[in-house]
């Protein structure tokens, strides 16, 4: 497994919040990662939907192009 390196600020916050919340550091890190992954998943889904819509949405002229309304 790779070694995780946490910067000084995050390390201090982790220590402080561990004491304030009476939670162990591993729990805090795991909860934070779960939130991070959920948010990133939402962003990816939204981006995929936007990309898909960009491919399928036609503007007015594109939609009506080649439609003959004369009967």
Protein backbone atom coordinates (compact mmCIF):
# COMPACT_ATOMS: atom_id res chain seq x y z
CA UNK A 1 0.00 0.00 0.00
CA UNK A 2 1.19 3.53 -0.74
CA UNK A 3 1.98 5.86 2.11
CA UNK A 4 -0.41 8.76 2.57
CA UNK A 5 1.15 12.14 3.16
CA UNK A 6 -1.07 14.71 4.85
CA UNK A 7 0.01 18.33 4.84
CA UNK A 8 0.60 20.17 8.10
CA UNK A 9 -2.67 22.11 8.06
CA UNK A 10 -4.79 19.01 7.46
CA UNK A 11 -2.84 17.10 10.06
CA UNK A 12 -3.50 19.80 12.66
CA UNK A 13 -7.19 19.95 11.74
CA UNK A 14 -7.42 16.19 11.96
CA UNK A 15 -5.89 16.24 15.42
CA UNK A 16 -8.14 19.09 16.60
CA UNK A 17 -11.36 17.64 15.23
CA UNK A 18 -10.50 14.23 16.57
CA UNK A 19 -10.37 15.74 20.05
CA UNK A 20 -13.43 18.00 19.59
CA UNK A 21 -15.65 15.30 18.08
CA UNK A 22 -14.24 12.48 20.20
CA UNK A 23 -13.67 10.44 17.03
CA UNK A 24 -10.63 8.54 15.99
CA UNK A 25 -8.64 9.92 13.07
CA UNK A 26 -9.35 6.93 10.84
CA UNK A 27 -13.11 7.49 11.17
CA UNK A 28 -12.75 11.16 10.28
CA UNK A 29 -10.59 10.37 7.26
CA UNK A 30 -12.97 7.66 6.05
CA UNK A 31 -16.01 9.91 6.47
CA UNK A 32 -14.25 12.71 4.61
CA UNK A 33 -13.27 10.37 1.78
CA UNK A 34 -16.83 9.05 1.51
CA UNK A 35 -18.15 12.61 1.15
CA UNK A 36 -15.43 13.42 -1.37
CA UNK A 37 -16.21 10.36 -3.51
CA UNK A 38 -19.97 11.07 -3.40
CA UNK A 39 -19.41 14.65 -4.57
CA UNK A 40 -17.02 13.59 -7.32
CA UNK A 41 -19.49 10.92 -8.48
CA UNK A 42 -22.23 13.57 -8.69
CA UNK A 43 -19.94 15.85 -10.69
CA UNK A 44 -19.07 13.05 -13.09
CA UNK A 45 -22.72 12.11 -13.56
CA UNK A 46 -23.70 15.73 -14.16
CA UNK A 47 -20.86 16.13 -16.65
CA UNK A 48 -21.87 12.94 -18.47
CA UNK A 49 -25.49 14.12 -18.64
CA UNK A 50 -24.40 17.54 -19.92
CA UNK A 51 -22.12 15.92 -22.50
CA UNK A 52 -24.89 13.59 -23.61
CA UNK A 53 -27.35 16.46 -23.86
CA UNK A 54 -24.86 18.44 -25.90
CA UNK A 55 -24.78 15.59 -28.39
CA UNK A 56 -28.54 15.04 -28.56
CA UNK A 57 -30.06 18.49 -28.17
CA UNK A 58 -30.82 20.22 -31.43
CA UNK A 59 -31.43 23.92 -31.78
CA UNK A 60 -34.62 25.15 -33.45
CA UNK A 61 -33.18 25.27 -36.98
CA UNK A 62 -31.55 21.88 -36.70
CA UNK A 63 -34.78 20.33 -35.46
CA UNK A 64 -36.94 21.77 -38.23
CA UNK A 65 -34.38 21.37 -41.01
CA UNK A 66 -35.70 19.14 -43.81
CA UNK A 67 -39.25 19.14 -42.39
CA UNK A 68 -41.75 19.94 -45.09
CA UNK A 69 -44.92 21.50 -43.68
CA UNK A 70 -46.47 22.25 -47.06
CA UNK A 71 -49.35 19.89 -47.87
